[in-house]
Amino acid sequence: MAPKEKDQKQGSLFFSLRDTLNPKHPLYVLVNQIQWDIFENAFKGLYCPDNGRPAKPIRLMVGLLMLKHIRNLSDESVIEQWSENIYFQYFTGETSFAPGVPCEPSELVHFRKRIGESGVELILKESIRVNGKDALDPHVNVDTTVQEKNITYPTDAKLHKKIIQKCKAIAQKEGIELRQSYSRTLKKLSQQQRFRNHPKNKTKALKADRKMKTIAGRLVRELERKLTPQSKYQKDLELFFQVLMQQKDSKKKIYSFHEPAVVCISKGKEHKKYEFGNKVSIAKTDSGVIVGALSFRDQYDGHTLAPTLQQVKRLVGQMPKRAKVDRGYRGNKQIGETEILIPSNYRISMSYYQRKKLSDSHKKRAGIEPVIGHLKADHRLSRNFYKGIVGDNINIMLAAAAFNFKRMMNKWKKKFFHFFQTLFFQFQMQFFHFLFYPLFSKKLKMTF
């Protein structure tokens, strides 16, 4: 059911949050800059008007999503801190202090599913609008990175062991009696696989791997015989068969059962050669605002450029004049109205001035690398805990929106800091002038 309308004018009998908070706090300033009515009008149609229990206020849920990625918190932590932090409560629309929790953590999951990718893109669009003229910069820098998924490092032995566990769980739920449980055998095989890096145990561990794969295949085939063709576990069995059949050079491999859409992306760096997740494309203006954030599978960088620029047009309202990219985007020189600048596009006919100008613009493009670092370290892009392909798209856009909000909060902090610094300096100068000016004036009179 649609949430009940809350009277914003009605506050506490003794005091309201607005009167007790610091009006120069960045979160306090951000509240007044965001147009909350946009979300109310956009998401109100997603609720049934007259059926079911009244939902939580839309502003509360949107505010919690923003705070989660701005402060780099989990669903549980943001709700726990909301009950302790009066700035969090004021940000989400409360007029007086509320001692209890606003909602259950699972309600944030349901709200993300309800608004979907289009709703999260609306939050990103609002974060771009808050940044003002900086977001209208016609020159953008585009780069890609990997958004890792919340899975462990996959190995064949680990996947086969999970197949056995899942097959036993299915048999227990359906009341199927298996020919053999393999409990004692699996315990011995696990011990043999444990010290595989020792030279004397390598052969023994490989034999144990093959034996475990054989047992997994037996259990899957036995379940297939004893389950009906219309069983709800048919998709799971197909996934098990795909894992058992895949080889080292197979395409579209499965690396995780709870996230089968994960792909392996070669990083090419010594400390981390491979990453398991998906590719994301980020577009940033020269002034520092993220105006585009899209999720892809493992695609060539050049193929991600056109959809990213289309999203920039959708969010900002205009196509950028220039997009500066690295050499991974070879093959693109012009996309619609946007000129693509690649470092390898130098021509012999160019003058020294033209080459110097192009070189300076590519030096600015390197500014997107620390932005990606901040997204991963501060706004939950390093490990994506959201489910499925939709979760990949939602996570990158929420991280980009949090970066834009945080950028303006830092600017307001600097503005207030410089204001008080200037005020203190002027007070200091006036104090010294009042204290020492009579002494200097006396000395001047004595000399004359």
Protein backbone atom coordinates (compact mmCIF):
# COMPACT_ATOMS: atom_id res chain seq x y z
CA MET A 1 0.00 0.00 0.00
CA ALA A 2 1.14 3.57 -0.68
CA PRO A 3 2.88 5.34 2.25
CA LYS A 4 0.86 7.77 4.31
CA GLU A 5 1.53 11.45 3.77
CA LYS A 6 3.52 12.92 6.63
CA ASP A 7 2.91 16.42 7.93
CA GLN A 8 6.33 18.08 7.73
CA LYS A 9 5.19 21.12 9.76
CA GLN A 10 4.25 19.07 12.80
CA GLY A 11 7.24 18.79 15.14
CA SER A 12 7.92 17.98 18.75
CA LEU A 13 6.16 19.83 21.58
CA PHE A 14 9.49 21.05 23.01
CA PHE A 15 11.97 21.31 20.11
CA SER A 16 12.50 20.32 16.48
CA LEU A 17 15.61 18.92 14.80
CA ARG A 18 15.91 21.97 12.56
CA ASP A 19 16.48 24.21 15.60
CA THR A 20 19.06 21.98 17.27
CA LEU A 21 21.37 21.13 14.32
CA ASN A 22 24.28 23.07 12.90
CA PRO A 23 23.00 24.74 9.70
CA LYS A 24 26.52 24.65 8.22
CA HIS A 25 26.83 20.86 8.50
CA PRO A 26 27.20 19.35 4.96
CA LEU A 27 24.30 16.92 5.42
CA TYR A 28 22.09 19.79 6.65
CA VAL A 29 22.98 21.83 3.55
CA LEU A 30 22.49 18.84 1.23
CA VAL A 31 18.93 18.28 2.51
CA ASN A 32 17.89 21.71 1.27
CA GLN A 33 19.59 21.25 -2.11
CA ILE A 34 17.88 17.97 -3.08
CA GLN A 35 14.43 18.15 -4.68
CA TRP A 36 12.69 15.37 -2.75
CA ASP A 37 9.37 15.87 -4.57
CA ILE A 38 10.91 14.30 -7.70
CA PHE A 39 11.19 10.93 -5.96
CA GLU A 40 7.76 11.22 -4.37
CA ASN A 41 6.10 11.80 -7.75
CA ALA A 42 8.15 9.15 -9.58
CA PHE A 43 7.79 6.29 -7.06
CA LYS A 44 4.25 6.86 -5.80
CA GLY A 45 2.78 4.94 -8.74
CA LEU A 46 4.77 1.84 -7.78
CA TYR A 47 2.57 1.28 -4.70
CA CYS A 48 -1.00 0.01 -4.53
CA PRO A 49 -3.18 2.94 -3.34
CA ASP A 50 -5.71 1.02 -1.19
CA ASN A 51 -4.47 -2.50 -0.43
CA GLY A 52 -2.09 -3.88 2.17
CA ARG A 53 -0.10 -2.40 4.99
CA PRO A 54 1.05 1.25 4.57
CA ALA A 55 4.63 1.41 3.29
CA LYS A 56 7.50 3.40 4.75
CA PRO A 57 7.82 7.02 3.50
CA ILE A 58 9.54 7.29 0.13
CA ARG A 59 11.86 10.04 1.33
CA LEU A 60 12.99 7.82 4.20
CA MET A 61 13.91 4.92 1.90
CA VAL A 62 15.62 7.11 -0.72
CA GLY A 63 17.54 8.95 1.99
CA LEU A 64 18.73 5.67 3.54
CA LEU A 65 20.00 4.48 0.14
CA MET A 66 21.92 7.74 -0.31
CA LEU A 67 23.39 7.65 3.21
CA LYS A 68 24.42 4.03 2.80
CA HIS A 69 26.69 4.78 -0.14
CA ILE A 70 27.80 8.23 1.02
CA ARG A 71 29.05 6.80 4.34
CA ASN A 72 30.06 3.36 2.95
CA LEU A 73 27.74 1.35 5.22
CA SER A 74 25.83 -1.90 4.94
CA ASP A 75 22.02 -2.12 5.13
CA GLU A 76 22.22 -3.18 8.77
CA SER A 77 24.75 -0.48 9.73
CA VAL A 78 22.93 2.45 8.13
CA ILE A 79 19.72 1.54 9.98
CA GLU A 80 21.59 1.08 13.27
CA GLN A 81 23.36 4.43 12.90
CA TRP A 82 20.13 6.16 11.87
CA SER A 83 18.72 5.60 15.37
CA GLU A 84 21.85 7.23 16.89
CA ASN A 85 22.57 10.07 14.45
CA ILE A 86 20.22 13.07 14.43
CA TYR A 87 21.71 14.35 11.15
CA PHE A 88 20.74 11.05 9.49
CA GLN A 89 17.21 11.44 10.83
CA TYR A 90 16.90 15.02 9.62
CA PHE A 91 18.26 13.98 6.21
CA THR A 92 15.47 11.41 5.82
CA GLY A 93 12.68 13.82 6.74
CA GLU A 94 12.24 13.47 10.50
CA THR A 95 11.23 16.61 12.40
CA SER A 96 11.97 15.30 15.90
CA PHE A 97 14.32 12.70 17.32
CA ALA A 98 13.10 9.10 16.91
CA PRO A 99 14.77 6.57 19.25
CA GLY A 100 13.74 3.41 17.37
CA VAL A 101 14.91 1.93 14.06
CA PRO A 102 13.17 3.26 10.92
CA CYS A 103 12.67 -0.11 9.21
CA GLU A 104 14.07 -3.60 8.83
CA PRO A 105 17.25 -4.03 6.69
CA SER A 106 15.38 -6.32 4.29
CA GLU A 107 12.99 -3.46 3.43
CA LEU A 108 15.87 -1.68 1.68
CA VAL A 109 16.27 -4.78 -0.52
CA HIS A 110 12.57 -4.72 -1.44
CA PHE A 111 12.69 -0.98 -2.13
CA ARG A 112 15.66 -1.35 -4.50
CA LYS A 113 13.79 -4.07 -6.37
CA ARG A 114 10.66 -1.89 -6.48
CA ILE A 115 12.27 1.20 -8.01
CA GLY A 116 14.63 -0.80 -10.27
CA GLU A 117 17.36 0.59 -12.49
CA SER A 118 15.26 3.54 -13.71
CA GLY A 119 14.60 4.69 -10.15
CA VAL A 120 18.28 4.52 -9.19
CA GLU A 121 19.18 6.40 -12.37
CA LEU A 122 16.82 9.15 -11.18
CA ILE A 123 18.88 9.41 -7.96
CA LEU A 124 22.04 9.72 -10.07
CA LYS A 125 20.39 12.42 -12.18
CA GLU A 126 19.51 14.41 -9.07
CA SER A 127 23.09 14.13 -7.79
CA ILE A 128 24.30 15.60 -11.09
CA ARG A 129 21.82 18.48 -10.84
CA VAL A 130 23.01 19.33 -7.31
CA ASN A 131 26.53 19.94 -8.71
CA GLY A 132 25.23 22.83 -10.81
CA LYS A 133 27.29 24.25 -13.69
CA ASP A 134 30.15 21.79 -13.19
CA ALA A 135 27.92 19.02 -14.56
CA LEU A 136 27.36 20.94 -17.84
CA ASP A 137 31.02 20.73 -18.85
CA PRO A 138 31.04 19.65 -22.54
CA HIS A 139 34.31 17.68 -22.16
CA VAL A 140 34.17 14.27 -20.46
CA ASN A 141 36.71 11.57 -19.59
CA VAL A 142 35.63 7.96 -19.99
CA ASP A 143 37.25 4.85 -18.53
CA THR A 144 36.30 1.32 -17.48
CA THR A 145 37.05 -0.71 -14.39
CA VAL A 146 35.96 -3.99 -12.81
CA GLN A 147 33.23 -4.24 -10.18
CA GLU A 148 34.02 -7.40 -8.23
CA LYS A 149 31.18 -9.61 -7.07
CA ASN A 150 30.82 -11.05 -3.59
CA ILE A 151 32.19 -14.53 -4.37
CA THR A 152 35.22 -16.48 -3.26
CA TYR A 153 38.09 -17.30 -5.62
CA PRO A 154 36.66 -20.17 -7.69
CA THR A 155 38.34 -23.54 -8.13
CA ASP A 156 36.99 -26.72 -9.75
CA ALA A 157 37.32 -28.74 -6.55
CA LYS A 158 35.37 -26.13 -4.60
CA LEU A 159 32.54 -26.09 -7.17
CA HIS A 160 32.33 -29.90 -7.23
CA LYS A 161 32.14 -29.98 -3.42
CA LYS A 162 29.28 -27.48 -3.53
CA ILE A 163 27.44 -29.63 -6.10
CA ILE A 164 27.61 -32.58 -3.70
CA GLN A 165 26.30 -30.48 -0.81
CA LYS A 166 23.45 -29.06 -2.89
CA CYS A 167 22.47 -32.51 -4.22
CA LYS A 168 22.28 -33.88 -0.68
CA ALA A 169 20.15 -30.90 0.39
CA ILE A 170 17.73 -31.45 -2.53
CA ALA A 171 17.46 -35.16 -1.74
CA GLN A 172 16.67 -34.41 1.90
CA LYS A 173 13.99 -31.85 1.00
CA GLU A 174 12.28 -34.17 -1.49
CA GLY A 175 12.62 -37.29 0.66
CA ILE A 176 14.81 -39.10 -1.89
CA GLU A 177 17.00 -41.93 -0.57
CA LEU A 178 20.41 -41.87 -2.24
CA ARG A 179 22.32 -45.07 -2.99
CA GLN A 180 25.33 -43.84 -1.05
CA SER A 181 26.01 -40.75 1.07
CA TYR A 182 29.81 -40.78 0.47
CA SER A 183 30.33 -39.10 3.85
CA ARG A 184 33.43 -41.08 4.87
CA THR A 185 34.85 -41.00 1.34
CA LEU A 186 34.44 -37.22 1.05
CA LYS A 187 36.14 -36.69 4.40
CA LYS A 188 39.22 -38.61 3.20
CA LEU A 189 39.24 -36.79 -0.14
CA SER A 190 39.13 -33.41 1.62
CA GLN A 191 42.18 -34.36 3.67
CA GLN A 192 44.06 -35.39 0.53
CA GLN A 193 43.19 -32.10 -1.22
CA ARG A 194 44.30 -29.97 1.70
CA PHE A 195 48.10 -29.92 1.18
CA ARG A 196 48.20 -29.90 -2.61
CA ASN A 197 51.08 -27.41 -2.78
CA HIS A 198 53.51 -29.87 -1.18
CA PRO A 199 55.47 -31.76 -3.91
CA LYS A 200 54.76 -35.17 -2.37
CA ASN A 201 51.00 -34.55 -2.14
CA LYS A 202 50.40 -33.06 -5.59
CA THR A 203 49.58 -36.36 -7.34
CA LYS A 204 47.38 -37.48 -4.46
CA ALA A 205 45.45 -34.19 -4.54
CA LEU A 206 44.82 -34.43 -8.30
CA LYS A 207 43.46 -37.95 -7.86
CA ALA A 208 41.17 -36.70 -5.09
CA ASP A 209 39.92 -33.91 -7.41
CA ARG A 210 38.99 -36.42 -10.10
CA LYS A 211 37.30 -38.70 -7.59
CA MET A 212 35.23 -35.81 -6.17
CA LYS A 213 34.13 -34.82 -9.68
CA THR A 214 33.04 -38.42 -10.31
CA ILE A 215 30.98 -38.50 -7.09
CA ALA A 216 29.35 -35.17 -7.98
CA GLY A 217 28.38 -36.54 -11.41
CA ARG A 218 26.89 -39.68 -9.86
CA LEU A 219 24.71 -37.72 -7.46
CA VAL A 220 23.47 -35.33 -10.17
CA ARG A 221 22.53 -38.22 -12.49
CA GLU A 222 20.80 -40.06 -9.66
CA LEU A 223 18.70 -37.00 -8.82
CA GLU A 224 17.83 -36.54 -12.49
CA ARG A 225 16.49 -40.13 -12.61
CA LYS A 226 14.48 -39.88 -9.41
CA LEU A 227 13.04 -36.36 -9.86
CA THR A 228 10.10 -35.67 -12.17
CA PRO A 229 10.79 -33.74 -15.43
CA GLN A 230 8.54 -30.91 -14.20
CA SER A 231 10.48 -30.53 -10.96
CA LYS A 232 11.47 -27.06 -9.76
CA TYR A 233 15.09 -28.24 -9.51
CA GLN A 234 15.60 -28.76 -13.25
CA LYS A 235 17.43 -25.43 -13.68
CA ASP A 236 19.74 -26.31 -10.79
CA LEU A 237 20.52 -29.68 -12.35
CA GLU A 238 21.30 -28.04 -15.70
CA LEU A 239 23.67 -25.67 -13.92
CA PHE A 240 25.37 -28.62 -12.18
CA PHE A 241 25.82 -30.43 -15.51
CA GLN A 242 27.30 -27.28 -17.07
CA VAL A 243 29.88 -27.02 -14.27
CA LEU A 244 30.80 -30.70 -14.58
CA MET A 245 31.21 -30.46 -18.38
CA GLN A 246 33.19 -27.22 -18.57
CA GLN A 247 36.89 -27.40 -19.39
CA LYS A 248 39.81 -25.00 -19.01
CA ASP A 249 39.18 -23.35 -22.39
CA SER A 250 35.35 -23.40 -22.24
CA LYS A 251 33.42 -20.20 -22.92
CA LYS A 252 30.76 -18.76 -20.58
CA LYS A 253 32.08 -20.68 -17.60
CA ILE A 254 30.26 -20.79 -14.27
CA TYR A 255 32.32 -19.46 -11.35
CA SER A 256 29.65 -19.29 -8.67
CA PHE A 257 26.29 -20.96 -8.09
CA HIS A 258 24.62 -18.02 -6.36
CA GLU A 259 26.00 -15.59 -9.01
CA PRO A 260 26.18 -17.52 -12.31
CA ALA A 261 26.39 -14.31 -14.41
CA VAL A 262 29.86 -13.47 -13.02
CA VAL A 263 32.63 -13.30 -15.63
CA CYS A 264 36.39 -13.59 -15.26
CA ILE A 265 38.18 -10.40 -16.35
CA SER A 266 41.94 -10.38 -16.83
CA LYS A 267 43.41 -7.44 -14.92
CA GLY A 268 46.96 -7.86 -16.24
CA LYS A 269 48.63 -6.67 -13.03
CA GLU A 270 51.06 -8.60 -10.90
CA HIS A 271 49.26 -8.28 -7.57
CA LYS A 272 45.87 -9.36 -9.00
CA LYS A 273 45.85 -11.10 -12.36
CA TYR A 274 42.12 -11.85 -12.53
CA GLU A 275 38.97 -10.32 -11.12
CA PHE A 276 35.54 -11.96 -10.97
CA GLY A 277 32.61 -9.63 -11.48
CA ASN A 278 31.59 -7.37 -14.34
CA LYS A 279 32.90 -4.34 -16.23
CA VAL A 280 31.62 -0.82 -15.54
CA SER A 281 32.06 2.33 -17.61
CA ILE A 282 32.38 5.74 -15.92
CA ALA A 283 32.15 9.19 -17.55
CA LYS A 284 33.50 12.19 -15.62
CA THR A 285 33.60 15.85 -16.61
CA ASP A 286 36.85 17.82 -16.45
CA SER A 287 35.40 19.67 -13.45
CA GLY A 288 35.03 16.38 -11.53
CA VAL A 289 31.33 15.35 -11.72
CA ILE A 290 30.37 11.78 -12.69
CA VAL A 291 27.76 12.15 -15.43
CA GLY A 292 27.60 8.53 -16.59
CA ALA A 293 27.89 5.12 -14.90
CA LEU A 294 26.85 1.91 -16.66
CA SER A 295 27.37 -1.80 -16.07
CA PHE A 296 28.38 -4.31 -18.77
CA ARG A 297 29.51 -7.89 -19.00
CA ASP A 298 33.07 -8.54 -20.27
CA GLN A 299 32.91 -6.37 -23.42
CA TYR A 300 35.57 -4.59 -25.43
CA ASP A 301 36.01 -1.05 -24.12
CA GLY A 302 35.17 0.49 -27.49
CA HIS A 303 31.74 -1.17 -27.50
CA THR A 304 30.85 0.38 -24.14
CA LEU A 305 31.46 3.95 -25.29
CA ALA A 306 28.25 4.59 -27.28
CA PRO A 307 25.83 3.41 -24.50
CA THR A 308 27.78 5.46 -21.93
CA LEU A 309 27.50 8.64 -24.01
CA GLN A 310 23.79 8.00 -24.54
CA GLN A 311 23.34 7.79 -20.77
CA VAL A 312 25.23 11.09 -20.39
CA LYS A 313 22.78 12.69 -22.82
CA ARG A 314 19.85 11.19 -20.91
CA LEU A 315 21.08 12.49 -17.55
CA VAL A 316 22.55 15.87 -18.50
CA GLY A 317 20.37 16.72 -21.49
CA GLN A 318 23.15 17.14 -24.05
CA MET A 319 25.80 15.07 -25.78
CA PRO A 320 29.39 15.98 -24.79
CA LYS A 321 31.51 17.68 -27.43
CA ARG A 322 34.63 15.70 -26.62
CA ALA A 323 35.28 12.39 -24.88
CA LYS A 324 38.86 11.64 -23.85
CA VAL A 325 39.69 7.94 -23.58
CA ASP A 326 42.76 5.69 -23.45
CA ARG A 327 44.15 3.34 -26.09
CA GLY A 328 41.75 0.58 -25.06
CA TYR A 329 39.05 2.39 -27.08
CA ARG A 330 40.82 2.11 -30.45
CA GLY A 331 38.55 2.22 -33.47
CA ASN A 332 36.34 5.09 -32.30
CA LYS A 333 36.91 8.59 -33.68
CA GLN A 334 33.38 10.04 -33.73
CA ILE A 335 30.15 8.92 -32.05
CA GLY A 336 27.23 11.12 -33.02
CA GLU A 337 28.14 14.69 -32.12
CA THR A 338 31.00 13.63 -29.82
CA GLU A 339 34.62 13.69 -30.94
CA ILE A 340 36.66 10.84 -29.45
CA LEU A 341 40.23 11.74 -28.45
CA ILE A 342 42.69 8.83 -28.18
CA PRO A 343 46.44 9.28 -27.52
CA SER A 344 47.31 7.36 -30.70
CA ASN A 345 45.35 9.83 -32.87
CA TYR A 346 48.34 12.13 -33.40
CA ARG A 347 48.86 13.05 -37.05
CA ILE A 348 52.07 14.17 -38.77
CA SER A 349 50.27 17.16 -40.28
CA MET A 350 49.54 18.56 -36.80
CA SER A 351 51.41 21.63 -35.69
CA TYR A 352 53.37 21.75 -32.45
CA TYR A 353 50.57 23.80 -30.85
CA GLN A 354 47.91 21.23 -31.82
CA ARG A 355 49.99 18.31 -30.51
CA LYS A 356 50.69 20.17 -27.26
CA LYS A 357 46.99 20.96 -26.78
CA LEU A 358 46.04 17.33 -27.40
CA SER A 359 48.73 16.15 -24.99
CA ASP A 360 47.48 18.48 -22.24
CA SER A 361 43.91 17.24 -22.66
CA HIS A 362 45.08 13.63 -22.23
CA LYS A 363 46.95 14.56 -19.09
CA LYS A 364 43.62 15.77 -17.69
CA ARG A 365 42.08 12.40 -18.62
CA ALA A 366 44.29 10.73 -15.99
CA GLY A 367 42.16 12.51 -13.36
CA ILE A 368 39.52 9.80 -13.71
CA GLU A 369 41.82 7.19 -12.12
CA PRO A 370 41.67 8.64 -8.55
CA VAL A 371 37.89 9.03 -8.99
CA ILE A 372 37.64 5.28 -9.64
CA GLY A 373 39.80 4.72 -6.57
CA HIS A 374 37.44 6.79 -4.40
CA LEU A 375 34.42 4.94 -5.78
CA LYS A 376 35.97 1.62 -4.77
CA ALA A 377 37.39 2.68 -1.41
CA ASP A 378 34.65 5.03 -0.15
CA HIS A 379 31.38 4.23 -1.95
CA ARG A 380 31.08 0.40 -2.06
CA LEU A 381 32.28 -0.29 -5.61
CA SER A 382 35.17 -2.56 -4.57
CA ARG A 383 32.81 -5.47 -3.76
CA ASN A 384 29.23 -5.65 -5.00
CA PHE A 385 26.85 -7.35 -2.56
CA TYR A 386 23.69 -6.82 -4.66
CA LYS A 387 22.11 -9.80 -6.37
CA GLY A 388 22.19 -10.55 -10.10
CA ILE A 389 22.76 -8.39 -13.18
CA VAL A 390 20.23 -5.81 -11.94
CA GLY A 391 22.26 -5.53 -8.74
CA ASP A 392 25.37 -4.77 -10.81
CA ASN A 393 23.63 -1.87 -12.53
CA ILE A 394 22.15 -0.51 -9.29
CA ASN A 395 25.42 -0.62 -7.34
CA ILE A 396 27.49 1.39 -9.84
CA MET A 397 24.84 4.11 -10.20
CA LEU A 398 24.37 4.46 -6.42
CA ALA A 399 28.15 4.66 -5.96
CA ALA A 400 28.39 7.39 -8.63
CA ALA A 401 25.50 9.34 -7.06
CA ALA A 402 27.17 9.11 -3.62
CA PHE A 403 30.42 10.42 -5.11
CA ASN A 404 28.63 13.44 -6.58
CA PHE A 405 26.86 14.20 -3.29
CA LYS A 406 30.11 13.81 -1.34
CA ARG A 407 31.88 16.13 -3.78
CA MET A 408 29.46 18.95 -3.00
CA MET A 409 29.61 18.23 0.74
CA ASN A 410 33.40 18.60 0.64
CA LYS A 411 33.08 21.87 -1.29
CA TRP A 412 30.71 23.26 1.33
CA LYS A 413 33.09 22.21 4.11
CA LYS A 414 35.98 24.03 2.40
CA LYS A 415 33.82 27.09 1.83
CA PHE A 416 32.92 27.33 5.52
CA PHE A 417 36.51 26.63 6.55
CA HIS A 418 37.87 29.44 4.33
CA PHE A 419 35.17 31.79 5.62
CA PHE A 420 36.10 31.21 9.26
CA GLN A 421 39.81 31.30 8.41
CA THR A 422 39.42 34.71 6.76
CA LEU A 423 37.30 35.95 9.66
CA PHE A 424 39.90 34.80 12.18
CA PHE A 425 42.72 36.41 10.18
CA GLN A 426 40.89 39.75 10.06
CA PHE A 427 40.19 39.59 13.80
CA GLN A 428 43.87 38.78 14.42
CA MET A 429 45.05 41.75 12.35
CA GLN A 430 42.66 44.13 14.10
CA PHE A 431 43.78 42.84 17.53
CA PHE A 432 47.48 43.39 16.77
CA HIS A 433 46.73 46.78 15.27
CA PHE A 434 44.85 47.80 18.44
CA LEU A 435 47.61 46.42 20.69
CA PHE A 436 50.81 47.66 19.00
CA TYR A 437 49.76 50.75 17.03
CA PRO A 438 50.02 53.14 20.06
CA LEU A 439 53.60 51.94 20.75
CA PHE A 440 54.71 52.46 17.15
CA SER A 441 53.08 55.90 17.02
CA LYS A 442 54.97 56.99 20.21
CA LYS A 443 58.31 55.89 18.77
CA LEU A 444 57.64 57.82 15.56
CA LYS A 445 56.88 61.01 17.56
CA MET A 446 60.11 60.64 19.60
CA THR A 447 62.26 60.28 16.46
CA PHE A 448 60.84 63.46 14.99
